[in-house]
Amino acid sequence: MPETATRQTLSQGQVMVLGLSLLIGLRIALGPYRSLAGQPHELFRPVAILRWLNAMPDLGVIVAVQVVGVLGAVMAVHTLLNGRRWHPALLVSWAALVFLAGLRGSLGKILHNDLLVILVAVPFIVAPTRRLGHRLEPEPWVGEAAVAVMALAYFFSGWWKWRSSGIEWVTGGNVRYLLAWGATSGKPLWNEPAAFLAGLPVLCRLGGGIILTAELTFPVIVFCRRLRPAYGLVMIGLHVLIWLTLGLDYWSWAALVTLMLVVPEVRVMTRKGFLTRKEQVRTAEEPP
């Protein structure tokens, strides 16, 4: 392969950093943070990291943080593509997202819409790097550490369901009640999908079983790379359904799962063809 083509091709680690930077920037720019301004002082319940605030910041402050966060994400992409350390810029963007997510969680109820992105980004912020051609990339274990963080996040989501409800989370009416709420809440774009599914109790129980099983067994992807695309597609489908039926904002989770679990395996299969799985794993982080 010509040197110019090799120099223009990103490794999997670089793709993860690039995609994560873009995702954080998009989340900061498109998230519903500006609507938080103007909240009455009496209703402000700051999360632990924002206890130093005594009221919701003004719109100007929130917009300024968004601008800084987006610029940090852009700089992270720029420095990555130009062979320099992306860590300071990504840290700035990440800190802006943490601040904005903290504001959103200070409404009296802890929200988890940004939690997965915040957690998975940490290994890439603190990661050591190695030189790959004229660019830097994370050490190979960094991507695996990020996948492990993601797996634990989903596992604890399932564990909390099991701890609070046990098998009744599947066999009871929990999923049906959620769908019925979605059909009457006005949050989804259309009420019909939630209302239709809420009228199918067997399908609701089956869906609940798939969700709980996938979450509780999610850590298996740390040890079995073959299963990552399958688990990724299940979770992407789950988050799309949550948006369609409940109107809840988890698009960043679906995008992150695609980036971390689906894209790397597709790249391996595309680049290496019919290599054995052992050879694919060994060459996953090698430059094309």
C-alpha atoms as a PDB file:
ATOM      1  CA  MET A   1       0.000   0.000   0.000  1.00  0.00           C
ATOM      2  CA  PRO A   2       1.398   3.438  -0.857  1.00  0.00           C
ATOM      3  CA  GLU A   3       2.733   5.441   2.045  1.00  0.00           C
ATOM      4  CA  THR A   4       0.229   8.255   1.497  1.00  0.00           C
ATOM      5  CA  ALA A   5      -2.695   5.837   1.809  1.00  0.00           C
ATOM      6  CA  THR A   6      -1.238   4.296   4.945  1.00  0.00           C
ATOM      7  CA  ARG A   7      -0.725   7.715   6.502  1.00  0.00           C
ATOM      8  CA  GLN A   8      -4.355   8.626   5.852  1.00  0.00           C
ATOM      9  CA  THR A   9      -5.817   5.479   7.415  1.00  0.00           C
ATOM     10  CA  LEU A  10      -6.749   5.511  11.076  1.00  0.00           C
ATOM     11  CA  SER A  11      -6.235   2.614  13.460  1.00  0.00           C
ATOM     12  CA  GLN A  12      -9.094   1.349  15.574  1.00  0.00           C
ATOM     13  CA  GLY A  13      -7.857   3.238  18.615  1.00  0.00           C
ATOM     14  CA  GLN A  14      -7.697   6.464  16.631  1.00  0.00           C
ATOM     15  CA  VAL A  15     -11.190   5.858  15.239  1.00  0.00           C
ATOM     16  CA  MET A  16     -12.479   5.445  18.793  1.00  0.00           C
ATOM     17  CA  VAL A  17     -10.899   8.715  19.939  1.00  0.00           C
ATOM     18  CA  LEU A  18     -12.125  10.521  16.838  1.00  0.00           C
ATOM     19  CA  GLY A  19     -15.655   9.160  17.159  1.00  0.00           C
ATOM     20  CA  LEU A  20     -15.799   9.814  20.889  1.00  0.00           C
ATOM     21  CA  SER A  21     -14.645  13.416  20.434  1.00  0.00           C
ATOM     22  CA  LEU A  22     -17.276  14.022  17.772  1.00  0.00           C
ATOM     23  CA  LEU A  23     -19.952  12.357  19.892  1.00  0.00           C
ATOM     24  CA  ILE A  24     -19.150  14.492  22.938  1.00  0.00           C
ATOM     25  CA  GLY A  25     -19.152  17.631  20.792  1.00  0.00           C
ATOM     26  CA  LEU A  26     -22.501  16.737  19.231  1.00  0.00           C
ATOM     27  CA  ARG A  27     -23.981  15.863  22.597  1.00  0.00           C
ATOM     28  CA  ILE A  28     -22.911  19.210  24.039  1.00  0.00           C
ATOM     29  CA  ALA A  29     -24.243  21.121  21.034  1.00  0.00           C
ATOM     30  CA  LEU A  30     -27.547  19.266  20.623  1.00  0.00           C
ATOM     31  CA  GLY A  31     -28.406  18.329  24.198  1.00  0.00           C
ATOM     32  CA  PRO A  32     -31.363  20.036  25.925  1.00  0.00           C
ATOM     33  CA  TYR A  33     -29.175  22.079  28.242  1.00  0.00           C
ATOM     34  CA  ARG A  34     -30.242  25.603  27.294  1.00  0.00           C
ATOM     35  CA  SER A  35     -33.761  24.835  28.493  1.00  0.00           C
ATOM     36  CA  LEU A  36     -32.377  24.453  32.030  1.00  0.00           C
ATOM     37  CA  ALA A  37     -31.762  28.185  32.390  1.00  0.00           C
ATOM     38  CA  GLY A  38     -34.300  30.068  34.441  1.00  0.00           C
ATOM     39  CA  GLN A  39     -35.176  27.241  36.797  1.00  0.00           C
ATOM     40  CA  PRO A  40     -36.501  28.669  40.094  1.00  0.00           C
ATOM     41  CA  HIS A  41     -33.897  28.804  42.824  1.00  0.00           C
ATOM     42  CA  GLU A  42     -36.086  26.757  45.168  1.00  0.00           C
ATOM     43  CA  LEU A  43     -36.180  23.822  42.745  1.00  0.00           C
ATOM     44  CA  PHE A  44     -32.428  23.608  42.227  1.00  0.00           C
ATOM     45  CA  ARG A  45     -31.057  20.427  43.807  1.00  0.00           C
ATOM     46  CA  PRO A  46     -27.381  20.279  42.808  1.00  0.00           C
ATOM     47  CA  VAL A  47     -25.677  16.931  42.418  1.00  0.00           C
ATOM     48  CA  ALA A  48     -22.528  16.282  44.445  1.00  0.00           C
ATOM     49  CA  ILE A  49     -20.080  17.754  41.927  1.00  0.00           C
ATOM     50  CA  LEU A  50     -22.096  20.987  41.680  1.00  0.00           C
ATOM     51  CA  ARG A  51     -22.667  21.672  45.367  1.00  0.00           C
ATOM     52  CA  TRP A  52     -20.656  24.869  44.953  1.00  0.00           C
ATOM     53  CA  LEU A  53     -23.547  26.308  42.917  1.00  0.00           C
ATOM     54  CA  ASN A  54     -26.522  27.805  44.731  1.00  0.00           C
ATOM     55  CA  ALA A  55     -28.751  28.250  41.671  1.00  0.00           C
ATOM     56  CA  MET A  56     -29.086  27.152  38.075  1.00  0.00           C
ATOM     57  CA  PRO A  57     -26.680  29.212  35.921  1.00  0.00           C
ATOM     58  CA  ASP A  58     -28.022  31.793  33.501  1.00  0.00           C
ATOM     59  CA  LEU A  59     -28.474  31.022  29.827  1.00  0.00           C
ATOM     60  CA  GLY A  60     -25.290  32.911  28.952  1.00  0.00           C
ATOM     61  CA  VAL A  61     -23.202  30.690  31.217  1.00  0.00           C
ATOM     62  CA  ILE A  62     -24.715  27.501  29.811  1.00  0.00           C
ATOM     63  CA  VAL A  63     -24.150  28.640  26.227  1.00  0.00           C
ATOM     64  CA  ALA A  64     -20.559  29.626  27.047  1.00  0.00           C
ATOM     65  CA  VAL A  65     -19.889  26.169  28.471  1.00  0.00           C
ATOM     66  CA  GLN A  66     -21.396  24.618  25.348  1.00  0.00           C
ATOM     67  CA  VAL A  67     -19.162  26.727  23.107  1.00  0.00           C
ATOM     68  CA  VAL A  68     -16.053  25.790  25.087  1.00  0.00           C
ATOM     69  CA  GLY A  69     -17.036  22.122  25.042  1.00  0.00           C
ATOM     70  CA  VAL A  70     -17.643  22.050  21.293  1.00  0.00           C
ATOM     71  CA  LEU A  71     -14.358  23.867  20.626  1.00  0.00           C
ATOM     72  CA  GLY A  72     -12.587  21.342  22.850  1.00  0.00           C
ATOM     73  CA  ALA A  73     -14.051  18.477  20.830  1.00  0.00           C
ATOM     74  CA  VAL A  74     -13.007  20.121  17.561  1.00  0.00           C
ATOM     75  CA  MET A  75      -9.489  20.665  18.890  1.00  0.00           C
ATOM     76  CA  ALA A  76      -9.299  17.035  20.040  1.00  0.00           C
ATOM     77  CA  VAL A  77     -10.085  15.898  16.503  1.00  0.00           C
ATOM     78  CA  HIS A  78      -7.612  18.394  15.038  1.00  0.00           C
ATOM     79  CA  THR A  79      -4.755  17.389  17.330  1.00  0.00           C
ATOM     80  CA  LEU A  80      -5.408  13.683  16.766  1.00  0.00           C
ATOM     81  CA  LEU A  81      -5.289  14.046  12.990  1.00  0.00           C
ATOM     82  CA  ASN A  82      -2.124  16.153  13.210  1.00  0.00           C
ATOM     83  CA  GLY A  83      -0.162  13.735  15.352  1.00  0.00           C
ATOM     84  CA  ARG A  84      -0.340  15.617  18.648  1.00  0.00           C
ATOM     85  CA  ARG A  85      -1.768  14.754  22.048  1.00  0.00           C
ATOM     86  CA  TRP A  86      -5.534  15.043  22.076  1.00  0.00           C
ATOM     87  CA  HIS A  87      -5.872  14.575  25.838  1.00  0.00           C
ATOM     88  CA  PRO A  88      -6.030  18.246  27.011  1.00  0.00           C
ATOM     89  CA  ALA A  89      -8.660  19.212  24.431  1.00  0.00           C
ATOM     90  CA  LEU A  90     -10.719  16.080  25.067  1.00  0.00           C
ATOM     91  CA  LEU A  91     -10.510  16.730  28.805  1.00  0.00           C
ATOM     92  CA  VAL A  92     -11.924  20.239  28.321  1.00  0.00           C
ATOM     93  CA  SER A  93     -14.790  18.911  26.218  1.00  0.00           C
ATOM     94  CA  TRP A  94     -15.439  16.073  28.674  1.00  0.00           C
ATOM     95  CA  ALA A  95     -15.472  18.478  31.637  1.00  0.00           C
ATOM     96  CA  ALA A  96     -18.011  20.666  29.835  1.00  0.00           C
ATOM     97  CA  LEU A  97     -20.255  17.642  29.294  1.00  0.00           C
ATOM     98  CA  VAL A  98     -19.900  16.621  32.947  1.00  0.00           C
ATOM     99  CA  PHE A  99     -20.918  20.132  34.017  1.00  0.00           C
ATOM    100  CA  LEU A 100     -23.929  20.234  31.698  1.00  0.00           C
ATOM    101  CA  ALA A 101     -25.012  16.714  32.604  1.00  0.00           C
ATOM    102  CA  GLY A 102     -24.692  17.658  36.267  1.00  0.00           C
ATOM    103  CA  LEU A 103     -27.009  20.612  35.717  1.00  0.00           C
ATOM    104  CA  ARG A 104     -29.533  18.341  34.059  1.00  0.00           C
ATOM    105  CA  GLY A 105     -29.311  15.973  37.004  1.00  0.00           C
ATOM    106  CA  SER A 106     -29.945  18.824  39.449  1.00  0.00           C
ATOM    107  CA  LEU A 107     -33.661  18.965  38.702  1.00  0.00           C
ATOM    108  CA  GLY A 108     -34.540  16.714  41.625  1.00  0.00           C
ATOM    109  CA  LYS A 109     -34.003  13.433  39.776  1.00  0.00           C
ATOM    110  CA  ILE A 110     -30.699  11.905  38.707  1.00  0.00           C
ATOM    111  CA  LEU A 111     -30.672  11.404  34.942  1.00  0.00           C
ATOM    112  CA  HIS A 112     -28.387   8.959  33.155  1.00  0.00           C
ATOM    113  CA  ASN A 113     -28.637  10.199  29.569  1.00  0.00           C
ATOM    114  CA  ASP A 114     -24.984  11.284  29.430  1.00  0.00           C
ATOM    115  CA  LEU A 115     -23.520   8.863  31.956  1.00  0.00           C
ATOM    116  CA  LEU A 116     -22.261   6.181  29.567  1.00  0.00           C
ATOM    117  CA  VAL A 117     -20.413   8.665  27.351  1.00  0.00           C
ATOM    118  CA  ILE A 118     -18.835  10.309  30.400  1.00  0.00           C
ATOM    119  CA  LEU A 119     -17.622   6.996  31.839  1.00  0.00           C
ATOM    120  CA  VAL A 120     -16.333   5.467  28.599  1.00  0.00           C
ATOM    121  CA  ALA A 121     -14.367   8.623  27.748  1.00  0.00           C
ATOM    122  CA  VAL A 122     -12.230   8.422  30.891  1.00  0.00           C
ATOM    123  CA  PRO A 123      -9.752   5.756  29.650  1.00  0.00           C
ATOM    124  CA  PHE A 124      -9.079   7.783  26.497  1.00  0.00           C
ATOM    125  CA  ILE A 125      -8.425  10.941  28.510  1.00  0.00           C
ATOM    126  CA  VAL A 126      -5.872   9.345  30.846  1.00  0.00           C
ATOM    127  CA  ALA A 127      -4.487   6.854  28.316  1.00  0.00           C
ATOM    128  CA  PRO A 128      -0.824   6.560  27.391  1.00  0.00           C
ATOM    129  CA  THR A 129      -0.123   6.761  23.679  1.00  0.00           C
ATOM    130  CA  ARG A 130       2.202   5.222  21.147  1.00  0.00           C
ATOM    131  CA  ARG A 131       3.440   6.532  17.811  1.00  0.00           C
ATOM    132  CA  LEU A 132       1.768   5.122  14.685  1.00  0.00           C
ATOM    133  CA  GLY A 133       3.300   6.630  11.580  1.00  0.00           C
ATOM    134  CA  HIS A 134       3.011  10.401  11.912  1.00  0.00           C
ATOM    135  CA  ARG A 135       0.141  10.161  14.392  1.00  0.00           C
ATOM    136  CA  LEU A 136      -0.382   9.116  17.996  1.00  0.00           C
ATOM    137  CA  GLU A 137      -2.830   6.437  19.041  1.00  0.00           C
ATOM    138  CA  PRO A 138      -3.948   5.006  22.399  1.00  0.00           C
ATOM    139  CA  GLU A 139      -2.281   1.855  23.632  1.00  0.00           C
ATOM    140  CA  PRO A 140      -4.299  -1.219  22.547  1.00  0.00           C
ATOM    141  CA  TRP A 141      -5.523  -1.967  26.070  1.00  0.00           C
ATOM    142  CA  VAL A 142      -7.251   1.415  26.321  1.00  0.00           C
ATOM    143  CA  GLY A 143     -10.039   0.435  23.944  1.00  0.00           C
ATOM    144  CA  GLU A 144     -10.511  -2.806  25.855  1.00  0.00           C
ATOM    145  CA  ALA A 145     -10.695  -0.884  29.130  1.00  0.00           C
ATOM    146  CA  ALA A 146     -13.382   1.360  27.645  1.00  0.00           C
ATOM    147  CA  VAL A 147     -15.358  -1.697  26.515  1.00  0.00           C
ATOM    148  CA  ALA A 148     -15.075  -3.105  30.042  1.00  0.00           C
ATOM    149  CA  VAL A 149     -16.419   0.159  31.478  1.00  0.00           C
ATOM    150  CA  MET A 150     -19.357  -0.014  29.079  1.00  0.00           C
ATOM    151  CA  ALA A 151     -20.011  -3.651  29.967  1.00  0.00           C
ATOM    152  CA  LEU A 152     -20.075  -2.856  33.683  1.00  0.00           C
ATOM    153  CA  ALA A 153     -22.433   0.082  33.130  1.00  0.00           C
ATOM    154  CA  TYR A 154     -24.956  -2.140  31.383  1.00  0.00           C
ATOM    155  CA  PHE A 155     -24.452  -4.926  33.923  1.00  0.00           C
ATOM    156  CA  PHE A 156     -25.215  -2.664  36.870  1.00  0.00           C
ATOM    157  CA  SER A 157     -28.266  -1.350  35.044  1.00  0.00           C
ATOM    158  CA  GLY A 158     -29.556  -4.925  34.845  1.00  0.00           C
ATOM    159  CA  TRP A 159     -28.426  -5.748  38.367  1.00  0.00           C
ATOM    160  CA  TRP A 160     -30.394  -2.812  39.743  1.00  0.00           C
ATOM    161  CA  LYS A 161     -33.525  -4.046  37.946  1.00  0.00           C
ATOM    162  CA  TRP A 162     -32.995  -7.511  39.413  1.00  0.00           C
ATOM    163  CA  ARG A 163     -32.250  -6.154  42.882  1.00  0.00           C
ATOM    164  CA  SER A 164     -35.357  -3.992  42.977  1.00  0.00           C
ATOM    165  CA  SER A 165     -37.866  -6.331  41.281  1.00  0.00           C
ATOM    166  CA  GLY A 166     -36.295  -9.739  40.714  1.00  0.00           C
ATOM    167  CA  ILE A 167     -37.788 -11.945  38.012  1.00  0.00           C
ATOM    168  CA  GLU A 168     -41.035  -9.977  38.280  1.00  0.00           C
ATOM    169  CA  TRP A 169     -39.350  -7.254  36.252  1.00  0.00           C
ATOM    170  CA  VAL A 170     -39.829  -9.709  33.367  1.00  0.00           C
ATOM    171  CA  THR A 171     -42.934 -11.672  34.346  1.00  0.00           C
ATOM    172  CA  GLY A 172     -44.878  -8.775  35.856  1.00  0.00           C
ATOM    173  CA  GLY A 173     -46.413  -5.781  34.164  1.00  0.00           C
ATOM    174  CA  ASN A 174     -43.420  -3.461  34.450  1.00  0.00           C
ATOM    175  CA  VAL A 175     -42.690  -3.178  30.726  1.00  0.00           C
ATOM    176  CA  ARG A 176     -46.393  -2.832  29.898  1.00  0.00           C
ATOM    177  CA  TYR A 177     -46.784  -0.033  32.431  1.00  0.00           C
ATOM    178  CA  LEU A 178     -43.793   1.787  30.967  1.00  0.00           C
ATOM    179  CA  LEU A 179     -45.229   1.518  27.465  1.00  0.00           C
ATOM    180  CA  ALA A 180     -48.661   2.629  28.642  1.00  0.00           C
ATOM    181  CA  TRP A 181     -47.041   5.651  30.272  1.00  0.00           C
ATOM    182  CA  GLY A 182     -45.184   6.413  27.054  1.00  0.00           C
ATOM    183  CA  ALA A 183     -48.412   6.259  25.045  1.00  0.00           C
ATOM    184  CA  THR A 184     -50.039   8.920  27.244  1.00  0.00           C
ATOM    185  CA  SER A 185     -47.051  11.071  28.216  1.00  0.00           C
ATOM    186  CA  GLY A 186     -46.843  13.063  25.010  1.00  0.00           C
ATOM    187  CA  LYS A 187     -43.060  12.601  24.902  1.00  0.00           C
ATOM    188  CA  PRO A 188     -42.765  10.268  21.857  1.00  0.00           C
ATOM    189  CA  LEU A 189     -43.310  11.664  18.372  1.00  0.00           C
ATOM    190  CA  TRP A 190     -46.071   9.089  17.904  1.00  0.00           C
ATOM    191  CA  ASN A 191     -48.210   7.450  20.584  1.00  0.00           C
ATOM    192  CA  GLU A 192     -49.239   4.479  18.439  1.00  0.00           C
ATOM    193  CA  PRO A 193     -46.093   2.292  18.786  1.00  0.00           C
ATOM    194  CA  ALA A 194     -46.177   2.371  22.587  1.00  0.00           C
ATOM    195  CA  ALA A 195     -49.941   1.826  22.727  1.00  0.00           C
ATOM    196  CA  PHE A 196     -49.723  -1.096  20.301  1.00  0.00           C
ATOM    197  CA  LEU A 197     -46.912  -2.840  22.185  1.00  0.00           C
ATOM    198  CA  ALA A 198     -48.567  -2.233  25.560  1.00  0.00           C
ATOM    199  CA  GLY A 199     -51.490  -4.302  24.308  1.00  0.00           C
ATOM    200  CA  LEU A 200     -49.271  -7.360  23.732  1.00  0.00           C
ATOM    201  CA  PRO A 201     -48.400  -8.716  27.209  1.00  0.00           C
ATOM    202  CA  VAL A 202     -46.537 -11.771  25.926  1.00  0.00           C
ATOM    203  CA  LEU A 203     -44.335  -9.625  23.716  1.00  0.00           C
ATOM    204  CA  CYS A 204     -43.727  -7.237  26.632  1.00  0.00           C
ATOM    205  CA  ARG A 205     -42.535 -10.110  28.819  1.00  0.00           C
ATOM    206  CA  LEU A 206     -40.339 -11.437  26.026  1.00  0.00           C
ATOM    207  CA  GLY A 207     -38.813  -8.007  25.518  1.00  0.00           C
ATOM    208  CA  GLY A 208     -38.240  -7.606  29.237  1.00  0.00           C
ATOM    209  CA  GLY A 209     -36.499 -10.977  29.350  1.00  0.00           C
ATOM    210  CA  ILE A 210     -34.224 -10.065  26.449  1.00  0.00           C
ATOM    211  CA  ILE A 211     -33.324  -6.720  28.028  1.00  0.00           C
ATOM    212  CA  LEU A 212     -32.575  -8.131  31.480  1.00  0.00           C
ATOM    213  CA  THR A 213     -30.621 -11.101  30.112  1.00  0.00           C
ATOM    214  CA  ALA A 214     -28.548  -8.907  27.805  1.00  0.00           C
ATOM    215  CA  GLU A 215     -27.695  -6.458  30.579  1.00  0.00           C
ATOM    216  CA  LEU A 216     -26.807  -9.078  33.188  1.00  0.00           C
ATOM    217  CA  THR A 217     -24.616 -11.020  30.748  1.00  0.00           C
ATOM    218  CA  PHE A 218     -23.064  -7.954  29.105  1.00  0.00           C
ATOM    219  CA  PRO A 219     -19.615  -8.458  30.712  1.00  0.00           C
ATOM    220  CA  VAL A 220     -19.139 -11.544  28.522  1.00  0.00           C
ATOM    221  CA  ILE A 221     -18.168  -9.217  25.663  1.00  0.00           C
ATOM    222  CA  VAL A 222     -14.975  -8.352  27.527  1.00  0.00           C
ATOM    223  CA  PHE A 223     -13.767 -11.910  26.983  1.00  0.00           C
ATOM    224  CA  CYS A 224     -15.566 -12.860  23.756  1.00  0.00           C
ATOM    225  CA  ARG A 225     -15.113 -10.340  20.963  1.00  0.00           C
ATOM    226  CA  ARG A 226     -17.309 -12.372  18.618  1.00  0.00           C
ATOM    227  CA  LEU A 227     -20.358 -11.425  20.649  1.00  0.00           C
ATOM    228  CA  ARG A 228     -19.738  -7.681  20.629  1.00  0.00           C
ATOM    229  CA  PRO A 229     -21.651  -6.871  17.425  1.00  0.00           C
ATOM    230  CA  ALA A 230     -24.618  -8.978  18.584  1.00  0.00           C
ATOM    231  CA  TYR A 231     -24.799  -7.294  21.970  1.00  0.00           C
ATOM    232  CA  GLY A 232     -24.250  -3.949  20.309  1.00  0.00           C
ATOM    233  CA  LEU A 233     -27.147  -4.448  17.903  1.00  0.00           C
ATOM    234  CA  VAL A 234     -29.433  -5.553  20.745  1.00  0.00           C
ATOM    235  CA  MET A 235     -28.669  -2.380  22.686  1.00  0.00           C
ATOM    236  CA  ILE A 236     -28.986  -0.159  19.630  1.00  0.00           C
ATOM    237  CA  GLY A 237     -32.417  -1.674  19.016  1.00  0.00           C
ATOM    238  CA  LEU A 238     -33.314  -1.136  22.678  1.00  0.00           C
ATOM    239  CA  HIS A 239     -32.375   2.550  22.632  1.00  0.00           C
ATOM    240  CA  VAL A 240     -34.220   3.133  19.356  1.00  0.00           C
ATOM    241  CA  LEU A 241     -37.330   1.495  20.838  1.00  0.00           C
ATOM    242  CA  ILE A 242     -37.002   3.577  24.003  1.00  0.00           C
ATOM    243  CA  TRP A 243     -36.977   6.698  21.862  1.00  0.00           C
ATOM    244  CA  LEU A 244     -39.930   5.550  19.733  1.00  0.00           C
ATOM    245  CA  THR A 245     -42.118   4.384  22.611  1.00  0.00           C
ATOM    246  CA  LEU A 246     -41.068   6.550  25.565  1.00  0.00           C
ATOM    247  CA  GLY A 247     -39.501   9.564  23.878  1.00  0.00           C
ATOM    248  CA  LEU A 248     -36.433   9.347  26.115  1.00  0.00           C
ATOM    249  CA  ASP A 249     -33.162  10.844  24.939  1.00  0.00           C
ATOM    250  CA  TYR A 250     -30.598   8.025  24.774  1.00  0.00           C
ATOM    251  CA  TRP A 251     -29.279   8.523  21.241  1.00  0.00           C
ATOM    252  CA  SER A 252     -25.747   9.061  22.545  1.00  0.00           C
ATOM    253  CA  TRP A 253     -25.805   5.572  24.122  1.00  0.00           C
ATOM    254  CA  ALA A 254     -26.789   4.015  20.796  1.00  0.00           C
ATOM    255  CA  ALA A 255     -24.089   5.979  18.972  1.00  0.00           C
ATOM    256  CA  LEU A 256     -21.445   5.009  21.532  1.00  0.00           C
ATOM    257  CA  VAL A 257     -22.367   1.319  21.378  1.00  0.00           C
ATOM    258  CA  THR A 258     -22.062   1.486  17.593  1.00  0.00           C
ATOM    259  CA  LEU A 259     -18.637   3.121  17.864  1.00  0.00           C
ATOM    260  CA  MET A 260     -17.223   0.764  20.504  1.00  0.00           C
ATOM    261  CA  LEU A 261     -18.777  -2.606  19.664  1.00  0.00           C
ATOM    262  CA  VAL A 262     -19.952  -2.674  16.062  1.00  0.00           C
ATOM    263  CA  VAL A 263     -17.528  -0.494  14.082  1.00  0.00           C
ATOM    264  CA  PRO A 264     -14.302  -2.205  15.304  1.00  0.00           C
ATOM    265  CA  GLU A 265     -15.532  -5.675  14.388  1.00  0.00           C
ATOM    266  CA  VAL A 266     -16.788  -4.515  11.004  1.00  0.00           C
ATOM    267  CA  ARG A 267     -13.372  -2.961  10.338  1.00  0.00           C
ATOM    268  CA  VAL A 268     -11.638  -6.206  11.268  1.00  0.00           C
ATOM    269  CA  MET A 269     -13.875  -8.280   8.996  1.00  0.00           C
ATOM    270  CA  THR A 270     -13.584  -5.804   6.143  1.00  0.00           C
ATOM    271  CA  ARG A 271      -9.805  -5.491   6.323  1.00  0.00           C
ATOM    272  CA  LYS A 272      -8.846  -9.072   7.061  1.00  0.00           C
ATOM    273  CA  GLY A 273     -11.400 -11.073   5.143  1.00  0.00           C
ATOM    274  CA  PHE A 274     -11.379 -14.721   6.101  1.00  0.00           C
ATOM    275  CA  LEU A 275      -8.571 -14.737   8.633  1.00  0.00           C
ATOM    276  CA  THR A 276      -8.979 -16.904  11.691  1.00  0.00           C
ATOM    277  CA  ARG A 277     -10.366 -15.180  14.733  1.00  0.00           C
ATOM    278  CA  LYS A 278      -7.012 -15.414  16.509  1.00  0.00           C
ATOM    279  CA  GLU A 279      -5.323 -13.648  13.611  1.00  0.00           C
ATOM    280  CA  GLN A 280      -8.035 -10.972  13.559  1.00  0.00           C
ATOM    281  CA  VAL A 281      -7.577 -10.213  17.238  1.00  0.00           C
ATOM    282  CA  ARG A 282      -3.801 -10.069  16.865  1.00  0.00           C
ATOM    283  CA  THR A 283      -3.988  -7.670  13.926  1.00  0.00           C
ATOM    284  CA  ALA A 284      -6.904  -5.558  15.136  1.00  0.00           C
ATOM    285  CA  GLU A 285      -4.661  -2.704  16.244  1.00  0.00           C
ATOM    286  CA  GLU A 286      -2.120  -2.959  13.436  1.00  0.00           C
ATOM    287  CA  PRO A 287      -2.097  -0.235  10.783  1.00  0.00           C
ATOM    288  CA  PRO A 288      -3.553  -1.356   7.432  1.00  0.00           C
END
